[in-house]
Amino acid sequence: MTTTEKIANAKKRIDELERLIKYWNDSERDEAKIVNFNIVNKVA
């Protein structure tokens, strides 16, 4: 495997990790909204 191929594969892995991080961050925000909504309903 050439250096160019190694760099291309590493970039693909980095891009995939960045997409996963973004997905996890978005899903955590959605879960926080759901939790906050449920807490408000229980208090009210």
Protein backbone atom coordinates (compact mmCIF):
# COMPACT_ATOMS: atom_id res chain seq x y z
CA MET A 1 0.00 0.00 0.00
CA THR A 2 1.44 3.33 -1.01
CA THR A 3 1.62 6.38 1.20
CA THR A 4 -1.05 8.05 -0.92
CA GLU A 5 -3.40 5.12 -0.39
CA LYS A 6 -2.73 5.14 3.35
CA ILE A 7 -3.51 8.86 3.52
CA ALA A 8 -6.72 8.38 1.51
CA ASN A 9 -7.86 5.55 3.82
CA ALA A 10 -7.04 7.60 6.91
CA LYS A 11 -9.05 10.53 5.54
CA LYS A 12 -12.03 8.22 4.93
CA ARG A 13 -11.84 6.98 8.55
CA ILE A 14 -11.57 10.54 9.87
CA ASP A 15 -14.59 11.61 7.81
CA GLU A 16 -16.59 8.65 9.13
CA LEU A 17 -15.65 9.46 12.73
CA GLU A 18 -16.63 13.09 12.24
CA ARG A 19 -20.06 11.99 10.92
CA LEU A 20 -20.50 9.68 13.92
CA ILE A 21 -19.55 12.45 16.36
CA LYS A 22 -22.04 14.81 14.72
CA TYR A 23 -24.75 12.11 14.86
CA TRP A 24 -24.05 11.41 18.55
CA ASN A 25 -24.10 15.12 19.40
CA ASP A 26 -27.40 15.60 17.57
CA SER A 27 -28.98 12.57 19.24
CA GLU A 28 -27.83 13.75 22.69
CA ARG A 29 -29.52 17.10 22.09
CA ASP A 30 -32.73 15.34 21.05
CA GLU A 31 -32.62 13.13 24.17
CA ALA A 32 -32.07 16.21 26.36
CA LYS A 33 -35.15 17.83 24.84
CA ILE A 34 -37.21 14.72 25.57
CA VAL A 35 -35.94 14.53 29.16
CA ASN A 36 -36.63 18.23 29.76
CA PHE A 37 -40.12 17.84 28.33
CA ASN A 38 -40.84 14.88 30.58
CA ILE A 39 -39.61 16.69 33.68
CA VAL A 40 -41.79 19.71 32.91
CA ASN A 41 -44.84 17.46 32.50
CA LYS A 42 -44.19 15.74 35.84
CA VAL A 43 -43.78 19.03 37.70
CA ALA A 44 -46.86 20.57 36.14
